[in-house]
Amino acid sequence: MTSWRIVRIIAGTFILLSLALGSPASPFYQSSWWLAFTAFVGVNLLQSGITRWCLMETLLRKLGARTGC
Protein backbone atom coordinates (compact mmCIF):
# COMPACT_ATOMS: atom_id res chain seq x y z
CA MET A 1 0.00 0.00 0.00
CA THR A 2 1.30 3.47 -0.82
CA SER A 3 1.78 6.34 1.61
CA TRP A 4 -0.94 8.27 -0.23
CA ARG A 5 -3.56 5.60 0.52
CA ILE A 6 -2.42 5.11 4.12
CA VAL A 7 -2.74 8.85 4.83
CA ARG A 8 -6.30 8.91 3.52
CA ILE A 9 -7.24 5.79 5.51
CA ILE A 10 -5.80 7.31 8.69
CA ALA A 11 -7.51 10.66 8.08
CA GLY A 12 -10.86 9.00 7.40
CA THR A 13 -10.54 6.86 10.52
CA PHE A 14 -9.65 9.88 12.67
CA ILE A 15 -12.61 11.86 11.31
CA LEU A 16 -15.13 9.06 11.87
CA LEU A 17 -13.77 8.30 15.34
CA SER A 18 -13.76 11.93 16.45
CA LEU A 19 -17.30 12.43 15.11
CA ALA A 20 -18.47 9.37 17.02
CA LEU A 21 -16.87 10.70 20.21
CA GLY A 22 -17.93 14.34 19.70
CA SER A 23 -21.49 14.15 18.43
CA PRO A 24 -24.10 14.28 21.23
CA ALA A 25 -26.38 11.99 19.23
CA SER A 26 -23.74 9.23 19.16
CA PRO A 27 -23.87 6.35 21.64
CA PHE A 28 -20.08 6.77 22.02
CA TYR A 29 -20.32 10.48 22.94
CA GLN A 30 -17.59 11.71 25.32
CA SER A 31 -17.21 15.46 24.79
CA SER A 32 -17.97 18.05 22.13
CA TRP A 33 -14.27 18.95 22.19
CA TRP A 34 -13.63 15.90 19.97
CA LEU A 35 -15.14 17.96 17.14
CA ALA A 36 -12.08 20.22 17.37
CA PHE A 37 -9.99 17.19 16.38
CA THR A 38 -12.29 16.68 13.39
CA ALA A 39 -11.64 20.28 12.36
CA PHE A 40 -7.89 19.81 12.87
CA VAL A 41 -7.83 16.81 10.51
CA GLY A 42 -9.91 18.74 7.96
CA VAL A 43 -7.57 21.73 8.08
CA ASN A 44 -4.57 19.44 7.60
CA LEU A 45 -6.23 17.81 4.57
CA LEU A 46 -6.95 21.25 3.12
CA GLN A 47 -3.39 22.41 3.77
CA SER A 48 -1.90 19.30 2.18
CA GLY A 49 -4.12 19.74 -0.87
CA ILE A 50 -2.99 23.32 -1.34
CA THR A 51 0.71 22.94 -0.54
CA ARG A 52 1.15 19.32 -1.76
CA TRP A 53 3.02 18.52 1.48
CA CYS A 54 1.75 16.31 4.29
CA LEU A 55 3.69 15.57 7.48
CA MET A 56 1.97 12.18 7.93
CA GLU A 57 2.98 11.13 4.42
CA THR A 58 6.57 12.21 5.06
CA LEU A 59 6.66 10.16 8.27
CA LEU A 60 5.15 7.12 6.56
CA ARG A 61 7.76 7.28 3.80
CA LYS A 62 10.52 7.38 6.41
CA LEU A 63 8.95 4.29 7.99
CA GLY A 64 9.19 2.48 4.66
CA ALA A 65 5.84 3.03 2.93
CA ARG A 66 6.02 3.24 -0.85
CA THR A 67 5.63 6.62 -2.54
CA GLY A 68 2.93 7.14 -5.16
CA CYS A 69 -0.81 7.07 -5.64
PDB file of N, CA and C in Angstrom:
ATOM      1  N   MET A   1       0.849  -1.171   0.000  1.00  0.00           N
ATOM      2  CA  MET A   1       0.000   0.000   0.000  1.00  0.00           C
ATOM      3  C   MET A   1       0.902   1.244   0.000  1.00  0.00           C
ATOM      4  N   THR A   2       0.488   2.260  -0.706  1.00  0.00           N
ATOM      5  CA  THR A   2       1.300   3.470  -0.815  1.00  0.00           C
ATOM      6  C   THR A   2       1.009   4.434   0.329  1.00  0.00           C
ATOM      7  N   SER A   3       1.939   5.346   0.545  1.00  0.00           N
ATOM      8  CA  SER A   3       1.784   6.340   1.610  1.00  0.00           C
ATOM      9  C   SER A   3       0.541   7.199   1.375  1.00  0.00           C
ATOM     10  N   TRP A   4       0.233   7.459   0.123  1.00  0.00           N
ATOM     11  CA  TRP A   4      -0.941   8.268  -0.228  1.00  0.00           C
ATOM     12  C   TRP A   4      -2.217   7.613   0.293  1.00  0.00           C
ATOM     13  N   ARG A   5      -2.360   6.315   0.070  1.00  0.00           N
ATOM     14  CA  ARG A   5      -3.558   5.597   0.521  1.00  0.00           C
ATOM     15  C   ARG A   5      -3.604   5.486   2.036  1.00  0.00           C
ATOM     16  N   ILE A   6      -2.455   5.248   2.656  1.00  0.00           N
ATOM     17  CA  ILE A   6      -2.424   5.115   4.116  1.00  0.00           C
ATOM     18  C   ILE A   6      -2.836   6.415   4.785  1.00  0.00           C
ATOM     19  N   VAL A   7      -2.371   7.548   4.265  1.00  0.00           N
ATOM     20  CA  VAL A   7      -2.741   8.852   4.828  1.00  0.00           C
ATOM     21  C   VAL A   7      -4.246   9.049   4.769  1.00  0.00           C
ATOM     22  N   ARG A   8      -4.860   8.721   3.652  1.00  0.00           N
ATOM     23  CA  ARG A   8      -6.300   8.909   3.520  1.00  0.00           C
ATOM     24  C   ARG A   8      -7.079   7.958   4.424  1.00  0.00           C
ATOM     25  N   ILE A   9      -6.589   6.745   4.601  1.00  0.00           N
ATOM     26  CA  ILE A   9      -7.243   5.794   5.510  1.00  0.00           C
ATOM     27  C   ILE A   9      -7.151   6.294   6.948  1.00  0.00           C
ATOM     28  N   ILE A  10      -5.979   6.780   7.336  1.00  0.00           N
ATOM     29  CA  ILE A  10      -5.801   7.308   8.694  1.00  0.00           C
ATOM     30  C   ILE A  10      -6.680   8.538   8.913  1.00  0.00           C
ATOM     31  N   ALA A  11      -6.698   9.454   7.947  1.00  0.00           N
ATOM     32  CA  ALA A  11      -7.514  10.664   8.075  1.00  0.00           C
ATOM     33  C   ALA A  11      -8.996  10.314   8.181  1.00  0.00           C
ATOM     34  N   GLY A  12      -9.465   9.411   7.341  1.00  0.00           N
ATOM     35  CA  GLY A  12     -10.863   9.001   7.401  1.00  0.00           C
ATOM     36  C   GLY A  12     -11.218   8.344   8.723  1.00  0.00           C
ATOM     37  N   THR A  13     -10.319   7.513   9.227  1.00  0.00           N
ATOM     38  CA  THR A  13     -10.542   6.859  10.521  1.00  0.00           C
ATOM     39  C   THR A  13     -10.599   7.884  11.645  1.00  0.00           C
ATOM     40  N   PHE A  14      -9.655   8.840  11.642  1.00  0.00           N
ATOM     41  CA  PHE A  14      -9.648   9.883  12.666  1.00  0.00           C
ATOM     42  C   PHE A  14     -10.934  10.715  12.625  1.00  0.00           C
ATOM     43  N   ILE A  15     -11.395  11.049  11.430  1.00  0.00           N
ATOM     44  CA  ILE A  15     -12.606  11.856  11.308  1.00  0.00           C
ATOM     45  C   ILE A  15     -13.825  11.092  11.832  1.00  0.00           C
ATOM     46  N   LEU A  16     -13.975   9.840  11.414  1.00  0.00           N
ATOM     47  CA  LEU A  16     -15.126   9.063  11.872  1.00  0.00           C
ATOM     48  C   LEU A  16     -15.086   8.819  13.378  1.00  0.00           C
ATOM     49  N   LEU A  17     -13.907   8.532  13.908  1.00  0.00           N
ATOM     50  CA  LEU A  17     -13.765   8.298  15.344  1.00  0.00           C
ATOM     51  C   LEU A  17     -14.069   9.556  16.143  1.00  0.00           C
ATOM     52  N   SER A  18     -13.529  10.698  15.712  1.00  0.00           N
ATOM     53  CA  SER A  18     -13.764  11.935  16.452  1.00  0.00           C
ATOM     54  C   SER A  18     -15.217  12.400  16.332  1.00  0.00           C
ATOM     55  N   LEU A  19     -15.870  12.114  15.216  1.00  0.00           N
ATOM     56  CA  LEU A  19     -17.298  12.430  15.106  1.00  0.00           C
ATOM     57  C   LEU A  19     -18.124  11.547  16.034  1.00  0.00           C
ATOM     58  N   ALA A  20     -17.757  10.277  16.118  1.00  0.00           N
ATOM     59  CA  ALA A  20     -18.474   9.368  17.025  1.00  0.00           C
ATOM     60  C   ALA A  20     -18.303   9.803  18.479  1.00  0.00           C
ATOM     61  N   LEU A  21     -17.132  10.286  18.838  1.00  0.00           N
ATOM     62  CA  LEU A  21     -16.871  10.704  20.212  1.00  0.00           C
ATOM     63  C   LEU A  21     -17.367  12.115  20.519  1.00  0.00           C
ATOM     64  N   GLY A  22     -17.569  12.942  19.480  1.00  0.00           N
ATOM     65  CA  GLY A  22     -17.929  14.337  19.700  1.00  0.00           C
ATOM     66  C   GLY A  22     -19.361  14.710  19.415  1.00  0.00           C
ATOM     67  N   SER A  23     -20.101  13.838  18.761  1.00  0.00           N
ATOM     68  CA  SER A  23     -21.495  14.147  18.428  1.00  0.00           C
ATOM     69  C   SER A  23     -22.428  13.707  19.559  1.00  0.00           C
ATOM     70  N   PRO A  24     -23.207  14.638  20.121  1.00  0.00           N
ATOM     71  CA  PRO A  24     -24.095  14.282  21.231  1.00  0.00           C
ATOM     72  C   PRO A  24     -25.114  13.190  20.885  1.00  0.00           C
ATOM     73  N   ALA A  25     -25.414  13.010  19.625  1.00  0.00           N
ATOM     74  CA  ALA A  25     -26.383  11.987  19.228  1.00  0.00           C
ATOM     75  C   ALA A  25     -25.763  10.591  19.164  1.00  0.00           C
ATOM     76  N   SER A  26     -24.450  10.505  19.269  1.00  0.00           N
ATOM     77  CA  SER A  26     -23.744   9.231  19.158  1.00  0.00           C
ATOM     78  C   SER A  26     -23.795   8.457  20.484  1.00  0.00           C
ATOM     79  N   PRO A  27     -23.919   7.143  20.397  1.00  0.00           N
ATOM     80  CA  PRO A  27     -23.872   6.347  21.641  1.00  0.00           C
ATOM     81  C   PRO A  27     -22.472   6.315  22.264  1.00  0.00           C
ATOM     82  N   PHE A  28     -21.459   6.761  21.522  1.00  0.00           N
ATOM     83  CA  PHE A  28     -20.081   6.773  22.021  1.00  0.00           C
ATOM     84  C   PHE A  28     -19.650   8.160  22.493  1.00  0.00           C
ATOM     85  N   TYR A  29     -20.606   9.084  22.610  1.00  0.00           N
ATOM     86  CA  TYR A  29     -20.316  10.482  22.943  1.00  0.00           C
ATOM     87  C   TYR A  29     -19.493  10.602  24.229  1.00  0.00           C
ATOM     88  N   GLN A  30     -18.427  11.417  24.162  1.00  0.00           N
ATOM     89  CA  GLN A  30     -17.592  11.706  25.321  1.00  0.00           C
ATOM     90  C   GLN A  30     -17.587  13.203  25.633  1.00  0.00           C
ATOM     91  N   SER A  31     -17.299  14.018  24.605  1.00  0.00           N
ATOM     92  CA  SER A  31     -17.213  15.463  24.789  1.00  0.00           C
ATOM     93  C   SER A  31     -17.295  16.131  23.416  1.00  0.00           C
ATOM     94  N   SER A  32     -17.892  17.298  23.390  1.00  0.00           N
ATOM     95  CA  SER A  32     -17.971  18.045  22.134  1.00  0.00           C
ATOM     96  C   SER A  32     -16.605  18.526  21.673  1.00  0.00           C
ATOM     97  N   TRP A  33     -15.618  18.523  22.556  1.00  0.00           N
ATOM     98  CA  TRP A  33     -14.266  18.946  22.187  1.00  0.00           C
ATOM     99  C   TRP A  33     -13.643  18.016  21.158  1.00  0.00           C
ATOM    100  N   TRP A  34     -14.144  16.802  21.011  1.00  0.00           N
ATOM    101  CA  TRP A  34     -13.635  15.904  19.970  1.00  0.00           C
ATOM    102  C   TRP A  34     -13.876  16.470  18.574  1.00  0.00           C
ATOM    103  N   LEU A  35     -14.872  17.345  18.443  1.00  0.00           N
ATOM    104  CA  LEU A  35     -15.137  17.958  17.141  1.00  0.00           C
ATOM    105  C   LEU A  35     -14.001  18.890  16.722  1.00  0.00           C
ATOM    106  N   ALA A  36     -13.254  19.408  17.694  1.00  0.00           N
ATOM    107  CA  ALA A  36     -12.081  20.225  17.366  1.00  0.00           C
ATOM    108  C   ALA A  36     -11.034  19.361  16.662  1.00  0.00           C
ATOM    109  N   PHE A  37     -10.920  18.091  17.048  1.00  0.00           N
ATOM    110  CA  PHE A  37      -9.993  17.187  16.379  1.00  0.00           C
ATOM    111  C   PHE A  37     -10.444  16.930  14.947  1.00  0.00           C
ATOM    112  N   THR A  38     -11.750  16.821  14.738  1.00  0.00           N
ATOM    113  CA  THR A  38     -12.287  16.675  13.385  1.00  0.00           C
ATOM    114  C   THR A  38     -11.882  17.870  12.530  1.00  0.00           C
ATOM    115  N   ALA A  39     -12.026  19.066  13.084  1.00  0.00           N
ATOM    116  CA  ALA A  39     -11.639  20.284  12.360  1.00  0.00           C
ATOM    117  C   ALA A  39     -10.137  20.304  12.089  1.00  0.00           C
ATOM    118  N   PHE A  40      -9.336  19.856  13.045  1.00  0.00           N
ATOM    119  CA  PHE A  40      -7.886  19.807  12.872  1.00  0.00           C
ATOM    120  C   PHE A  40      -7.502  18.906  11.703  1.00  0.00           C
ATOM    121  N   VAL A  41      -8.116  17.740  11.621  1.00  0.00           N
ATOM    122  CA  VAL A  41      -7.835  16.813  10.513  1.00  0.00           C
ATOM    123  C   VAL A  41      -8.264  17.444   9.190  1.00  0.00           C
ATOM    124  N   GLY A  42      -9.429  18.089   9.178  1.00  0.00           N
ATOM    125  CA  GLY A  42      -9.909  18.742   7.965  1.00  0.00           C
ATOM    126  C   GLY A  42      -8.991  19.857   7.501  1.00  0.00           C
ATOM    127  N   VAL A  43      -8.499  20.651   8.430  1.00  0.00           N
ATOM    128  CA  VAL A  43      -7.572  21.735   8.084  1.00  0.00           C
ATOM    129  C   VAL A  43      -6.276  21.160   7.523  1.00  0.00           C
ATOM    130  N   ASN A  44      -5.796  20.067   8.111  1.00  0.00           N
ATOM    131  CA  ASN A  44      -4.573  19.444   7.601  1.00  0.00           C
ATOM    132  C   ASN A  44      -4.776  18.883   6.198  1.00  0.00           C
ATOM    133  N   LEU A  45      -5.944  18.301   5.924  1.00  0.00           N
ATOM    134  CA  LEU A  45      -6.229  17.811   4.572  1.00  0.00           C
ATOM    135  C   LEU A  45      -6.276  18.969   3.579  1.00  0.00           C
ATOM    136  N   LEU A  46      -6.898  20.065   3.978  1.00  0.00           N
ATOM    137  CA  LEU A  46      -6.955  21.248   3.120  1.00  0.00           C
ATOM    138  C   LEU A  46      -5.556  21.792   2.857  1.00  0.00           C
ATOM    139  N   GLN A  47      -4.755  21.914   3.907  1.00  0.00           N
ATOM    140  CA  GLN A  47      -3.387  22.411   3.772  1.00  0.00           C
ATOM    141  C   GLN A  47      -2.564  21.510   2.856  1.00  0.00           C
ATOM    142  N   SER A  48      -2.693  20.198   3.012  1.00  0.00           N
ATOM    143  CA  SER A  48      -1.896  19.301   2.175  1.00  0.00           C
ATOM    144  C   SER A  48      -2.356  19.345   0.720  1.00  0.00           C
ATOM    145  N   GLY A  49      -3.637  19.601   0.503  1.00  0.00           N
ATOM    146  CA  GLY A  49      -4.125  19.736  -0.866  1.00  0.00           C
ATOM    147  C   GLY A  49      -3.617  20.992  -1.546  1.00  0.00           C
ATOM    148  N   ILE A  50      -3.461  22.056  -0.775  1.00  0.00           N
ATOM    149  CA  ILE A  50      -2.994  23.325  -1.338  1.00  0.00           C
ATOM    150  C   ILE A  50      -1.479  23.325  -1.518  1.00  0.00           C
ATOM    151  N   THR A  51      -0.749  22.851  -0.509  1.00  0.00           N
ATOM    152  CA  THR A  51       0.710  22.936  -0.544  1.00  0.00           C
ATOM    153  C   THR A  51       1.379  21.692  -1.125  1.00  0.00           C
ATOM    154  N   ARG A  52       0.627  20.608  -1.284  1.00  0.00           N
ATOM    155  CA  ARG A  52       1.147  19.320  -1.762  1.00  0.00           C
ATOM    156  C   ARG A  52       2.216  18.759  -0.830  1.00  0.00           C
ATOM    157  N   TRP A  53       2.120  19.069   0.471  1.00  0.00           N
ATOM    158  CA  TRP A  53       3.015  18.522   1.485  1.00  0.00           C
ATOM    159  C   TRP A  53       2.195  18.067   2.677  1.00  0.00           C
ATOM    160  N   CYS A  54       2.481  16.872   3.163  1.00  0.00           N
ATOM    161  CA  CYS A  54       1.752  16.314   4.292  1.00  0.00           C
ATOM    162  C   CYS A  54       2.753  15.668   5.238  1.00  0.00           C
ATOM    163  N   LEU A  55       2.756  16.097   6.494  1.00  0.00           N
ATOM    164  CA  LEU A  55       3.690  15.565   7.479  1.00  0.00           C
ATOM    165  C   LEU A  55       3.489  14.066   7.669  1.00  0.00           C
ATOM    166  N   MET A  56       2.246  13.609   7.737  1.00  0.00           N
ATOM    167  CA  MET A  56       1.973  12.180   7.926  1.00  0.00           C
ATOM    168  C   MET A  56       2.564  11.357   6.787  1.00  0.00           C
ATOM    169  N   GLU A  57       2.428  11.847   5.575  1.00  0.00           N
ATOM    170  CA  GLU A  57       2.976  11.126   4.422  1.00  0.00           C
ATOM    171  C   GLU A  57       4.505  11.082   4.478  1.00  0.00           C
ATOM    172  N   THR A  58       5.127  12.174   4.905  1.00  0.00           N
ATOM    173  CA  THR A  58       6.573  12.208   5.056  1.00  0.00           C
ATOM    174  C   THR A  58       7.026  11.184   6.094  1.00  0.00           C
ATOM    175  N   LEU A  59       6.317  11.122   7.218  1.00  0.00           N
ATOM    176  CA  LEU A  59       6.660  10.158   8.266  1.00  0.00           C
ATOM    177  C   LEU A  59       6.470   8.723   7.785  1.00  0.00           C
ATOM    178  N   LEU A  60       5.394   8.477   7.062  1.00  0.00           N
ATOM    179  CA  LEU A  60       5.152   7.123   6.559  1.00  0.00           C
ATOM    180  C   LEU A  60       6.235   6.689   5.574  1.00  0.00           C
ATOM    181  N   ARG A  61       6.686   7.604   4.733  1.00  0.00           N
ATOM    182  CA  ARG A  61       7.761   7.275   3.798  1.00  0.00           C
ATOM    183  C   ARG A  61       9.052   6.942   4.533  1.00  0.00           C
ATOM    184  N   LYS A  62       9.327   7.669   5.617  1.00  0.00           N
ATOM    185  CA  LYS A  62      10.521   7.381   6.406  1.00  0.00           C
ATOM    186  C   LYS A  62      10.410   6.025   7.103  1.00  0.00           C
ATOM    187  N   LEU A  63       9.177   5.592   7.363  1.00  0.00           N
ATOM    188  CA  LEU A  63       8.949   4.291   7.994  1.00  0.00           C
ATOM    189  C   LEU A  63       8.933   3.155   6.969  1.00  0.00           C
ATOM    190  N   GLY A  64       9.054   3.501   5.682  1.00  0.00           N
ATOM    191  CA  GLY A  64       9.189   2.483   4.659  1.00  0.00           C
ATOM    192  C   GLY A  64       8.015   2.301   3.726  1.00  0.00           C
ATOM    193  N   ALA A  65       6.974   3.131   3.853  1.00  0.00           N
ATOM    194  CA  ALA A  65       5.842   3.028   2.926  1.00  0.00           C
ATOM    195  C   ALA A  65       6.272   3.487   1.531  1.00  0.00           C
ATOM    196  N   ARG A  66       5.693   2.852   0.524  1.00  0.00           N
ATOM    197  CA  ARG A  66       6.018   3.238  -0.851  1.00  0.00           C
ATOM    198  C   ARG A  66       5.432   4.601  -1.182  1.00  0.00           C
ATOM    199  N   THR A  67       6.115   5.322  -2.048  1.00  0.00           N
ATOM    200  CA  THR A  67       5.630   6.617  -2.540  1.00  0.00           C
ATOM    201  C   THR A  67       4.725   6.371  -3.749  1.00  0.00           C
ATOM    202  N   GLY A  68       3.782   7.246  -3.977  1.00  0.00           N
ATOM    203  CA  GLY A  68       2.935   7.144  -5.158  1.00  0.00           C
ATOM    204  C   GLY A  68       1.472   7.128  -4.810  1.00  0.00           C
ATOM    205  N   CYS A  69       0.624   7.078  -5.886  1.00  0.00           N
ATOM    206  CA  CYS A  69      -0.808   7.070  -5.639  1.00  0.00           C
ATOM    207  C   CYS A  69      -1.433   5.756  -5.844  1.00  0.00           C
TER     208      CYS A  69
END
